[in-house]
PDB file of N, CA and C in Angstrom:
ATOM      1  N   UNK A   1      58.543  74.506 106.850  1.00  0.00           N
ATOM      2  CA  UNK A   1      58.716  74.740 108.259  1.00  0.00           C
ATOM      3  C   UNK A   1      60.214  74.741 108.550  1.00  0.00           C
ATOM      4  N   UNK A   2      60.693  75.750 109.256  1.00  0.00           N
ATOM      5  CA  UNK A   2      62.126  75.842 109.499  1.00  0.00           C
ATOM      6  C   UNK A   2      62.576  74.820 110.538  1.00  0.00           C
ATOM      7  N   UNK A   3      63.844  74.516 110.497  1.00  0.00           N
ATOM      8  CA  UNK A   3      64.410  73.520 111.399  1.00  0.00           C
ATOM      9  C   UNK A   3      64.271  73.958 112.862  1.00  0.00           C
ATOM     10  N   UNK A   4      64.444  75.257 113.139  1.00  0.00           N
ATOM     11  CA  UNK A   4      64.337  75.725 114.525  1.00  0.00           C
ATOM     12  C   UNK A   4      62.914  75.572 115.052  1.00  0.00           C
ATOM     13  N   UNK A   5      61.907  75.749 114.216  1.00  0.00           N
ATOM     14  CA  UNK A   5      60.517  75.565 114.651  1.00  0.00           C
ATOM     15  C   UNK A   5      60.261  74.100 114.973  1.00  0.00           C
ATOM     16  N   UNK A   6      60.789  73.201 114.154  1.00  0.00           N
ATOM     17  CA  UNK A   6      60.618  71.767 114.394  1.00  0.00           C
ATOM     18  C   UNK A   6      61.285  71.376 115.712  1.00  0.00           C
ATOM     19  N   UNK A   7      62.520  71.873 115.944  1.00  0.00           N
ATOM     20  CA  UNK A   7      63.206  71.584 117.203  1.00  0.00           C
ATOM     21  C   UNK A   7      62.411  72.121 118.384  1.00  0.00           C
ATOM     22  N   UNK A   8      61.853  73.313 118.227  1.00  0.00           N
ATOM     23  CA  UNK A   8      61.081  73.918 119.312  1.00  0.00           C
ATOM     24  C   UNK A   8      59.845  73.083 119.641  1.00  0.00           C
ATOM     25  N   UNK A   9      59.142  72.624 118.618  1.00  0.00           N
ATOM     26  CA  UNK A   9      57.947  71.804 118.834  1.00  0.00           C
ATOM     27  C   UNK A   9      58.319  70.482 119.506  1.00  0.00           C
ATOM     28  N   UNK A  10      59.422  69.873 119.069  1.00  0.00           N
ATOM     29  CA  UNK A  10      59.874  68.625 119.693  1.00  0.00           C
ATOM     30  C   UNK A  10      60.249  68.848 121.159  1.00  0.00           C
ATOM     31  N   UNK A  11      60.953  69.939 121.428  1.00  0.00           N
ATOM     32  CA  UNK A  11      61.335  70.250 122.794  1.00  0.00           C
ATOM     33  C   UNK A  11      60.104  70.509 123.658  1.00  0.00           C
ATOM     34  N   UNK A  12      59.125  71.198 123.129  1.00  0.00           N
ATOM     35  CA  UNK A  12      57.887  71.459 123.868  1.00  0.00           C
ATOM     36  C   UNK A  12      57.162  70.158 124.185  1.00  0.00           C
ATOM     37  N   UNK A  13      57.159  69.230 123.247  1.00  0.00           N
ATOM     38  CA  UNK A  13      56.505  67.941 123.456  1.00  0.00           C
ATOM     39  C   UNK A  13      57.196  67.159 124.569  1.00  0.00           C
ATOM     40  N   UNK A  14      58.518  67.144 124.551  1.00  0.00           N
ATOM     41  CA  UNK A  14      59.275  66.445 125.588  1.00  0.00           C
ATOM     42  C   UNK A  14      59.026  67.085 126.948  1.00  0.00           C
ATOM     43  N   UNK A  15      59.002  68.408 126.997  1.00  0.00           N
ATOM     44  CA  UNK A  15      58.745  69.110 128.244  1.00  0.00           C
ATOM     45  C   UNK A  15      57.362  68.777 128.778  1.00  0.00           C
ATOM     46  N   UNK A  16      56.368  68.726 127.921  1.00  0.00           N
ATOM     47  CA  UNK A  16      55.009  68.397 128.334  1.00  0.00           C
ATOM     48  C   UNK A  16      54.955  66.977 128.892  1.00  0.00           C
ATOM     49  N   UNK A  17      55.611  66.041 128.235  1.00  0.00           N
ATOM     50  CA  UNK A  17      55.618  64.669 128.711  1.00  0.00           C
ATOM     51  C   UNK A  17      56.283  64.580 130.080  1.00  0.00           C
ATOM     52  N   UNK A  18      57.344  65.344 130.288  1.00  0.00           N
ATOM     53  CA  UNK A  18      58.029  65.352 131.579  1.00  0.00           C
ATOM     54  C   UNK A  18      57.116  65.897 132.664  1.00  0.00           C
ATOM     55  N   UNK A  19      56.425  66.993 132.371  1.00  0.00           N
ATOM     56  CA  UNK A  19      55.513  67.595 133.348  1.00  0.00           C
ATOM     57  C   UNK A  19      54.389  66.623 133.694  1.00  0.00           C
ATOM     58  N   UNK A  20      53.808  65.976 132.687  1.00  0.00           N
ATOM     59  CA  UNK A  20      52.732  65.024 132.939  1.00  0.00           C
ATOM     60  C   UNK A  20      53.218  63.841 133.772  1.00  0.00           C
ATOM     61  N   UNK A  21      54.418  63.362 133.482  1.00  0.00           N
ATOM     62  CA  UNK A  21      54.978  62.243 134.226  1.00  0.00           C
ATOM     63  C   UNK A  21      55.179  62.629 135.687  1.00  0.00           C
ATOM     64  N   UNK A  22      55.711  63.833 135.942  1.00  0.00           N
ATOM     65  CA  UNK A  22      55.916  64.281 137.312  1.00  0.00           C
ATOM     66  C   UNK A  22      54.591  64.446 138.042  1.00  0.00           C
ATOM     67  N   UNK A  23      53.568  64.967 137.357  1.00  0.00           N
ATOM     68  CA  UNK A  23      52.269  65.123 137.987  1.00  0.00           C
ATOM     69  C   UNK A  23      51.671  63.764 138.332  1.00  0.00           C
ATOM     70  N   UNK A  24      51.827  62.782 137.442  1.00  0.00           N
ATOM     71  CA  UNK A  24      51.317  61.443 137.716  1.00  0.00           C
ATOM     72  C   UNK A  24      52.036  60.816 138.899  1.00  0.00           C
ATOM     73  N   UNK A  25      53.351  60.999 138.969  1.00  0.00           N
ATOM     74  CA  UNK A  25      54.108  60.440 140.087  1.00  0.00           C
ATOM     75  C   UNK A  25      53.682  61.061 141.404  1.00  0.00           C
ATOM     76  N   UNK A  26      53.458  62.355 141.423  1.00  0.00           N
ATOM     77  CA  UNK A  26      53.125  63.020 142.677  1.00  0.00           C
ATOM     78  C   UNK A  26      51.696  62.743 143.120  1.00  0.00           C
ATOM     79  N   UNK A  27      50.810  62.354 142.196  1.00  0.00           N
ATOM     80  CA  UNK A  27      49.421  62.108 142.564  1.00  0.00           C
ATOM     81  C   UNK A  27      49.102  60.628 142.718  1.00  0.00           C
ATOM     82  N   UNK A  28      50.011  59.735 142.332  1.00  0.00           N
ATOM     83  CA  UNK A  28      49.770  58.302 142.488  1.00  0.00           C
ATOM     84  C   UNK A  28      49.720  57.964 143.971  1.00  0.00           C
ATOM     85  N   UNK A  29      48.873  57.022 144.334  1.00  0.00           N
ATOM     86  CA  UNK A  29      48.743  56.650 145.742  1.00  0.00           C
ATOM     87  C   UNK A  29      49.119  55.187 145.945  1.00  0.00           C
ATOM     88  N   UNK A  30      49.498  54.885 147.137  1.00  0.00           N
ATOM     89  CA  UNK A  30      49.855  53.529 147.532  1.00  0.00           C
ATOM     90  C   UNK A  30      48.563  52.749 147.729  1.00  0.00           C
ATOM     91  N   UNK A  31      48.420  51.570 147.086  1.00  0.00           N
ATOM     92  CA  UNK A  31      47.188  50.791 147.171  1.00  0.00           C
ATOM     93  C   UNK A  31      46.940  50.292 148.592  1.00  0.00           C
ATOM     94  N   UNK A  32      47.993  49.991 149.338  1.00  0.00           N
ATOM     95  CA  UNK A  32      47.831  49.503 150.705  1.00  0.00           C
ATOM     96  C   UNK A  32      47.458  50.617 151.672  1.00  0.00           C
ATOM     97  N   UNK A  33      47.928  51.815 151.392  1.00  0.00           N
ATOM     98  CA  UNK A  33      47.654  52.956 152.267  1.00  0.00           C
ATOM     99  C   UNK A  33      47.343  54.163 151.393  1.00  0.00           C
ATOM    100  N   UNK A  34      46.077  54.362 150.998  1.00  0.00           N
ATOM    101  CA  UNK A  34      45.738  55.431 150.057  1.00  0.00           C
ATOM    102  C   UNK A  34      46.096  56.836 150.525  1.00  0.00           C
ATOM    103  N   UNK A  35      46.270  57.029 151.827  1.00  0.00           N
ATOM    104  CA  UNK A  35      46.619  58.367 152.304  1.00  0.00           C
ATOM    105  C   UNK A  35      48.105  58.671 152.127  1.00  0.00           C
ATOM    106  N   UNK A  36      48.897  57.658 151.785  1.00  0.00           N
ATOM    107  CA  UNK A  36      50.333  57.846 151.603  1.00  0.00           C
ATOM    108  C   UNK A  36      50.669  57.874 150.116  1.00  0.00           C
ATOM    109  N   UNK A  37      51.287  58.950 149.625  1.00  0.00           N
ATOM    110  CA  UNK A  37      51.662  58.992 148.204  1.00  0.00           C
ATOM    111  C   UNK A  37      52.633  57.873 147.848  1.00  0.00           C
ATOM    112  N   UNK A  38      52.479  57.342 146.642  1.00  0.00           N
ATOM    113  CA  UNK A  38      53.326  56.251 146.177  1.00  0.00           C
ATOM    114  C   UNK A  38      54.787  56.665 146.125  1.00  0.00           C
ATOM    115  N   UNK A  39      55.049  57.915 145.774  1.00  0.00           N
ATOM    116  CA  UNK A  39      56.436  58.379 145.640  1.00  0.00           C
ATOM    117  C   UNK A  39      57.172  58.295 146.971  1.00  0.00           C
ATOM    118  N   UNK A  40      56.477  58.511 148.111  1.00  0.00           N
ATOM    119  CA  UNK A  40      57.156  58.442 149.400  1.00  0.00           C
ATOM    120  C   UNK A  40      57.537  56.998 149.733  1.00  0.00           C
ATOM    121  N   UNK A  41      56.732  56.020 149.258  1.00  0.00           N
ATOM    122  CA  UNK A  41      57.082  54.617 149.470  1.00  0.00           C
ATOM    123  C   UNK A  41      58.388  54.295 148.756  1.00  0.00           C
ATOM    124  N   UNK A  42      58.562  54.798 147.528  1.00  0.00           N
ATOM    125  CA  UNK A  42      59.801  54.575 146.796  1.00  0.00           C
ATOM    126  C   UNK A  42      60.964  55.288 147.470  1.00  0.00           C
ATOM    127  N   UNK A  43      60.709  56.476 148.007  1.00  0.00           N
ATOM    128  CA  UNK A  43      61.761  57.230 148.683  1.00  0.00           C
ATOM    129  C   UNK A  43      62.235  56.456 149.918  1.00  0.00           C
ATOM    130  N   UNK A  44      61.296  55.869 150.685  1.00  0.00           N
ATOM    131  CA  UNK A  44      61.671  55.074 151.853  1.00  0.00           C
ATOM    132  C   UNK A  44      62.494  53.865 151.429  1.00  0.00           C
ATOM    133  N   UNK A  45      62.110  53.231 150.325  1.00  0.00           N
ATOM    134  CA  UNK A  45      62.842  52.081 149.810  1.00  0.00           C
ATOM    135  C   UNK A  45      64.269  52.474 149.436  1.00  0.00           C
ATOM    136  N   UNK A  46      64.423  53.639 148.808  1.00  0.00           N
ATOM    137  CA  UNK A  46      65.754  54.123 148.427  1.00  0.00           C
ATOM    138  C   UNK A  46      66.582  54.425 149.675  1.00  0.00           C
ATOM    139  N   UNK A  47      65.948  54.994 150.716  1.00  0.00           N
ATOM    140  CA  UNK A  47      66.672  55.275 151.962  1.00  0.00           C
ATOM    141  C   UNK A  47      67.185  53.987 152.601  1.00  0.00           C
ATOM    142  N   UNK A  48      66.362  52.932 152.572  1.00  0.00           N
ATOM    143  CA  UNK A  48      66.784  51.645 153.130  1.00  0.00           C
ATOM    144  C   UNK A  48      67.958  51.078 152.332  1.00  0.00           C
ATOM    145  N   UNK A  49      67.916  51.249 151.023  1.00  0.00           N
ATOM    146  CA  UNK A  49      69.006  50.772 150.169  1.00  0.00           C
ATOM    147  C   UNK A  49      70.293  51.526 150.476  1.00  0.00           C
ATOM    148  N   UNK A  50      70.206  52.829 150.735  1.00  0.00           N
ATOM    149  CA  UNK A  50      71.389  53.626 151.045  1.00  0.00           C
ATOM    150  C   UNK A  50      72.008  53.227 152.375  1.00  0.00           C
ATOM    151  N   UNK A  51      71.177  52.788 153.323  1.00  0.00           N
ATOM    152  CA  UNK A  51      71.704  52.389 154.628  1.00  0.00           C
ATOM    153  C   UNK A  51      72.647  51.200 154.494  1.00  0.00           C
ATOM    154  N   UNK A  52      72.407  50.327 153.522  1.00  0.00           N
ATOM    155  CA  UNK A  52      73.245  49.151 153.310  1.00  0.00           C
ATOM    156  C   UNK A  52      74.356  49.389 152.283  1.00  0.00           C
ATOM    157  N   UNK A  53      74.443  50.584 151.746  1.00  0.00           N
ATOM    158  CA  UNK A  53      75.394  50.874 150.673  1.00  0.00           C
ATOM    159  C   UNK A  53      76.815  50.973 151.205  1.00  0.00           C
ATOM    160  N   UNK A  54      77.753  50.668 150.339  1.00  0.00           N
ATOM    161  CA  UNK A  54      79.158  50.847 150.681  1.00  0.00           C
ATOM    162  C   UNK A  54      79.789  51.732 149.620  1.00  0.00           C
ATOM    163  N   UNK A  55      80.812  52.460 149.995  1.00  0.00           N
ATOM    164  CA  UNK A  55      81.455  53.405 149.092  1.00  0.00           C
ATOM    165  C   UNK A  55      82.206  52.667 147.995  1.00  0.00           C
ATOM    166  N   UNK A  56      82.118  53.173 146.785  1.00  0.00           N
ATOM    167  CA  UNK A  56      82.895  52.635 145.673  1.00  0.00           C
ATOM    168  C   UNK A  56      84.218  53.405 145.625  1.00  0.00           C
ATOM    169  N   UNK A  57      85.308  52.692 145.433  1.00  0.00           N
ATOM    170  CA  UNK A  57      86.609  53.343 145.399  1.00  0.00           C
ATOM    171  C   UNK A  57      87.291  53.056 144.074  1.00  0.00           C
ATOM    172  N   UNK A  58      88.151  53.992 143.660  1.00  0.00           N
ATOM    173  CA  UNK A  58      88.909  53.790 142.426  1.00  0.00           C
ATOM    174  C   UNK A  58      90.195  53.017 142.751  1.00  0.00           C
ATOM    175  N   UNK A  59      91.049  52.852 141.754  1.00  0.00           N
ATOM    176  CA  UNK A  59      92.287  52.066 141.934  1.00  0.00           C
ATOM    177  C   UNK A  59      93.235  52.674 142.947  1.00  0.00           C
ATOM    178  N   UNK A  60      93.148  53.998 143.150  1.00  0.00           N
ATOM    179  CA  UNK A  60      94.031  54.675 144.101  1.00  0.00           C
ATOM    180  C   UNK A  60      93.447  54.664 145.518  1.00  0.00           C
ATOM    181  N   UNK A  61      92.269  54.079 145.693  1.00  0.00           N
ATOM    182  CA  UNK A  61      91.664  54.012 147.015  1.00  0.00           C
ATOM    183  C   UNK A  61      90.794  55.213 147.356  1.00  0.00           C
ATOM    184  N   UNK A  62      90.601  56.120 146.412  1.00  0.00           N
ATOM    185  CA  UNK A  62      89.753  57.295 146.649  1.00  0.00           C
ATOM    186  C   UNK A  62      88.304  56.965 146.312  1.00  0.00           C
ATOM    187  N   UNK A  63      87.382  57.547 147.063  1.00  0.00           N
ATOM    188  CA  UNK A  63      85.967  57.312 146.766  1.00  0.00           C
ATOM    189  C   UNK A  63      85.634  57.920 145.411  1.00  0.00           C
ATOM    190  N   UNK A  64      84.953  57.128 144.560  1.00  0.00           N
ATOM    191  CA  UNK A  64      84.591  57.592 143.219  1.00  0.00           C
ATOM    192  C   UNK A  64      83.565  58.708 143.312  1.00  0.00           C
ATOM    193  N   UNK A  65      83.702  59.685 142.465  1.00  0.00           N
ATOM    194  CA  UNK A  65      82.782  60.813 142.394  1.00  0.00           C
ATOM    195  C   UNK A  65      81.838  60.621 141.219  1.00  0.00           C
ATOM    196  N   UNK A  66      80.667  61.225 141.300  1.00  0.00           N
ATOM    197  CA  UNK A  66      79.696  61.104 140.224  1.00  0.00           C
ATOM    198  C   UNK A  66      78.875  62.390 140.131  1.00  0.00           C
ATOM    199  N   UNK A  67      78.005  62.439 139.132  1.00  0.00           N
ATOM    200  CA  UNK A  67      77.142  63.593 138.902  1.00  0.00           C
ATOM    201  C   UNK A  67      75.718  63.099 138.754  1.00  0.00           C
ATOM    202  N   UNK A  68      74.779  63.778 139.403  1.00  0.00           N
ATOM    203  CA  UNK A  68      73.360  63.466 139.272  1.00  0.00           C
ATOM    204  C   UNK A  68      72.713  64.589 138.481  1.00  0.00           C
ATOM    205  N   UNK A  69      72.028  64.236 137.396  1.00  0.00           N
ATOM    206  CA  UNK A  69      71.327  65.228 136.597  1.00  0.00           C
ATOM    207  C   UNK A  69      69.886  65.319 137.075  1.00  0.00           C
ATOM    208  N   UNK A  70      69.443  66.544 137.378  1.00  0.00           N
ATOM    209  CA  UNK A  70      68.096  66.778 137.870  1.00  0.00           C
ATOM    210  C   UNK A  70      67.436  67.809 136.973  1.00  0.00           C
ATOM    211  N   UNK A  71      66.246  67.479 136.488  1.00  0.00           N
ATOM    212  CA  UNK A  71      65.485  68.441 135.701  1.00  0.00           C
ATOM    213  C   UNK A  71      64.546  69.192 136.628  1.00  0.00           C
ATOM    214  N   UNK A  72      64.508  70.506 136.489  1.00  0.00           N
ATOM    215  CA  UNK A  72      63.652  71.331 137.317  1.00  0.00           C
ATOM    216  C   UNK A  72      62.480  71.817 136.469  1.00  0.00           C
ATOM    217  N   UNK A  73      61.279  71.589 136.959  1.00  0.00           N
ATOM    218  CA  UNK A  73      60.083  72.038 136.259  1.00  0.00           C
ATOM    219  C   UNK A  73      59.527  73.229 137.021  1.00  0.00           C
ATOM    220  N   UNK A  74      59.328  74.338 136.330  1.00  0.00           N
ATOM    221  CA  UNK A  74      58.761  75.508 136.985  1.00  0.00           C
ATOM    222  C   UNK A  74      57.601  76.024 136.150  1.00  0.00           C
ATOM    223  N   UNK A  75      56.672  76.667 136.821  1.00  0.00           N
ATOM    224  CA  UNK A  75      55.524  77.227 136.131  1.00  0.00           C
ATOM    225  C   UNK A  75      55.781  78.699 135.853  1.00  0.00           C
ATOM    226  N   UNK A  76      55.489  79.115 134.632  1.00  0.00           N
ATOM    227  CA  UNK A  76      55.660  80.501 134.220  1.00  0.00           C
ATOM    228  C   UNK A  76      54.324  80.980 133.675  1.00  0.00           C
ATOM    229  N   UNK A  77      53.872  82.128 134.144  1.00  0.00           N
ATOM    230  CA  UNK A  77      52.601  82.657 133.673  1.00  0.00           C
ATOM    231  C   UNK A  77      52.740  83.160 132.245  1.00  0.00           C
ATOM    232  N   UNK A  78      51.703  82.908 131.463  1.00  0.00           N
ATOM    233  CA  UNK A  78      51.679  83.350 130.076  1.00  0.00           C
ATOM    234  C   UNK A  78      50.277  83.743 129.673  1.00  0.00           C
ATOM    235  N   UNK A  79      50.099  83.961 128.391  1.00  0.00           N
ATOM    236  CA  UNK A  79      48.792  84.331 127.852  1.00  0.00           C
ATOM    237  C   UNK A  79      48.437  83.374 126.728  1.00  0.00           C
ATOM    238  N   UNK A  80      47.166  83.029 126.662  1.00  0.00           N
ATOM    239  CA  UNK A  80      46.703  82.135 125.607  1.00  0.00           C
ATOM    240  C   UNK A  80      46.677  82.878 124.277  1.00  0.00           C
ATOM    241  N   UNK A  81      47.195  82.222 123.249  1.00  0.00           N
ATOM    242  CA  UNK A  81      47.201  82.804 121.905  1.00  0.00           C
ATOM    243  C   UNK A  81      46.676  81.774 120.918  1.00  0.00           C
ATOM    244  N   UNK A  82      46.319  82.221 119.739  1.00  0.00           N
ATOM    245  CA  UNK A  82      45.864  81.334 118.668  1.00  0.00           C
ATOM    246  C   UNK A  82      46.999  81.260 117.648  1.00  0.00           C
ATOM    247  N   UNK A  83      47.463  80.049 117.372  1.00  0.00           N
ATOM    248  CA  UNK A  83      48.529  79.832 116.399  1.00  0.00           C
ATOM    249  C   UNK A  83      47.939  79.728 114.998  1.00  0.00           C
ATOM    250  N   UNK A  84      48.803  79.832 114.005  1.00  0.00           N
ATOM    251  CA  UNK A  84      48.369  79.647 112.629  1.00  0.00           C
ATOM    252  C   UNK A  84      47.780  78.253 112.488  1.00  0.00           C
ATOM    253  N   UNK A  85      46.676  78.123 111.852  1.00  0.00           N
ATOM    254  CA  UNK A  85      46.005  76.843 111.716  1.00  0.00           C
ATOM    255  C   UNK A  85      44.929  76.639 112.774  1.00  0.00           C
ATOM    256  N   UNK A  86      44.797  77.577 113.709  1.00  0.00           N
ATOM    257  CA  UNK A  86      43.725  77.519 114.683  1.00  0.00           C
ATOM    258  C   UNK A  86      44.063  76.873 116.002  1.00  0.00           C
ATOM    259  N   UNK A  87      45.256  76.318 116.148  1.00  0.00           N
ATOM    260  CA  UNK A  87      45.622  75.676 117.414  1.00  0.00           C
ATOM    261  C   UNK A  87      45.873  76.750 118.474  1.00  0.00           C
ATOM    262  N   UNK A  88      45.580  76.414 119.738  1.00  0.00           N
ATOM    263  CA  UNK A  88      45.826  77.353 120.826  1.00  0.00           C
ATOM    264  C   UNK A  88      47.139  77.007 121.508  1.00  0.00           C
ATOM    265  N   UNK A  89      47.742  77.993 122.179  1.00  0.00           N
ATOM    266  CA  UNK A  89      49.004  77.798 122.877  1.00  0.00           C
ATOM    267  C   UNK A  89      49.110  78.826 123.995  1.00  0.00           C
ATOM    268  N   UNK A  90      50.001  78.560 124.954  1.00  0.00           N
ATOM    269  CA  UNK A  90      50.291  79.506 126.025  1.00  0.00           C
ATOM    270  C   UNK A  90      51.656  80.118 125.735  1.00  0.00           C
ATOM    271  N   UNK A  91      51.723  81.442 125.718  1.00  0.00           N
ATOM    272  CA  UNK A  91      52.964  82.135 125.371  1.00  0.00           C
ATOM    273  C   UNK A  91      53.381  83.043 126.518  1.00  0.00           C
ATOM    274  N   UNK A  92      54.665  82.942 126.909  1.00  0.00           N
ATOM    275  CA  UNK A  92      55.259  83.873 127.867  1.00  0.00           C
ATOM    276  C   UNK A  92      56.343  84.639 127.115  1.00  0.00           C
ATOM    277  N   UNK A  93      57.099  85.424 127.829  1.00  0.00           N
ATOM    278  CA  UNK A  93      58.155  86.210 127.181  1.00  0.00           C
ATOM    279  C   UNK A  93      59.202  85.315 126.512  1.00  0.00           C
ATOM    280  N   UNK A  94      59.524  84.182 127.141  1.00  0.00           N
ATOM    281  CA  UNK A  94      60.600  83.330 126.633  1.00  0.00           C
ATOM    282  C   UNK A  94      60.164  81.956 126.148  1.00  0.00           C
ATOM    283  N   UNK A  95      58.921  81.550 126.433  1.00  0.00           N
ATOM    284  CA  UNK A  95      58.497  80.186 126.146  1.00  0.00           C
ATOM    285  C   UNK A  95      57.157  80.149 125.417  1.00  0.00           C
ATOM    286  N   UNK A  96      56.923  79.004 124.784  1.00  0.00           N
ATOM    287  CA  UNK A  96      55.648  78.752 124.119  1.00  0.00           C
ATOM    288  C   UNK A  96      55.279  77.302 124.384  1.00  0.00           C
ATOM    289  N   UNK A  97      54.064  77.068 124.925  1.00  0.00           N
ATOM    290  CA  UNK A  97      53.585  75.712 125.183  1.00  0.00           C
ATOM    291  C   UNK A  97      52.373  75.462 124.300  1.00  0.00           C
ATOM    292  N   UNK A  98      52.556  74.749 123.178  1.00  0.00           N
ATOM    293  CA  UNK A  98      51.434  74.517 122.269  1.00  0.00           C
ATOM    294  C   UNK A  98      50.447  73.481 122.800  1.00  0.00           C
ATOM    295  N   UNK A  99      50.730  72.868 123.958  1.00  0.00           N
ATOM    296  CA  UNK A  99      49.852  71.851 124.524  1.00  0.00           C
ATOM    297  C   UNK A  99      49.286  72.259 125.882  1.00  0.00           C
ATOM    298  N   UNK A 100      49.300  73.538 126.203  1.00  0.00           N
ATOM    299  CA  UNK A 100      48.818  74.005 127.504  1.00  0.00           C
ATOM    300  C   UNK A 100      47.326  73.706 127.656  1.00  0.00           C
ATOM    301  N   UNK A 101      47.020  72.927 128.686  1.00  0.00           N
ATOM    302  CA  UNK A 101      45.614  72.546 128.928  1.00  0.00           C
ATOM    303  C   UNK A 101      44.758  73.762 129.263  1.00  0.00           C
ATOM    304  N   UNK A 102      45.351  74.761 129.905  1.00  0.00           N
ATOM    305  CA  UNK A 102      44.587  75.936 130.315  1.00  0.00           C
ATOM    306  C   UNK A 102      44.164  76.783 129.111  1.00  0.00           C
ATOM    307  N   UNK A 103      44.754  76.562 127.957  1.00  0.00           N
ATOM    308  CA  UNK A 103      44.381  77.329 126.760  1.00  0.00           C
ATOM    309  C   UNK A 103      43.557  76.522 125.770  1.00  0.00           C
ATOM    310  N   UNK A 104      43.233  75.289 126.123  1.00  0.00           N
ATOM    311  CA  UNK A 104      42.464  74.464 125.188  1.00  0.00           C
ATOM    312  C   UNK A 104      41.026  74.944 125.140  1.00  0.00           C
ATOM    313  N   UNK A 105      40.315  74.524 124.109  1.00  0.00           N
ATOM    314  CA  UNK A 105      38.922  74.925 123.924  1.00  0.00           C
ATOM    315  C   UNK A 105      38.047  74.389 125.036  1.00  0.00           C
ATOM    316  N   UNK A 106      38.453  73.258 125.656  1.00  0.00           N
ATOM    317  CA  UNK A 106      37.644  72.624 126.693  1.00  0.00           C
ATOM    318  C   UNK A 106      37.781  73.311 128.041  1.00  0.00           C
ATOM    319  N   UNK A 107      38.879  74.058 128.247  1.00  0.00           N
ATOM    320  CA  UNK A 107      39.143  74.659 129.565  1.00  0.00           C
ATOM    321  C   UNK A 107      38.280  75.873 129.814  1.00  0.00           C
TER     322      UNK A 107
END
């Protein structure tokens, strides 16, 4: 198996885990108020924390700058294919998802 195929499979696995984690976060509910998503409770908590925040400054008195890394998950339409060895996968022009639930035998 070539090194690029191994990297691709590892990257696909990480992407799948990220998508599943985001789906779980968006569907989790607050036990005290089931109609309110859990993620909004955390967002409110973060907003309250920001209200009490103070600016960090460097030695010259300037406000410190920072970078926030955000991963964007998007859905791309593809077609189900059969891989060597019998496994199913979803393939688009640029991507391959070997764990696509929509292409599994159960779907």
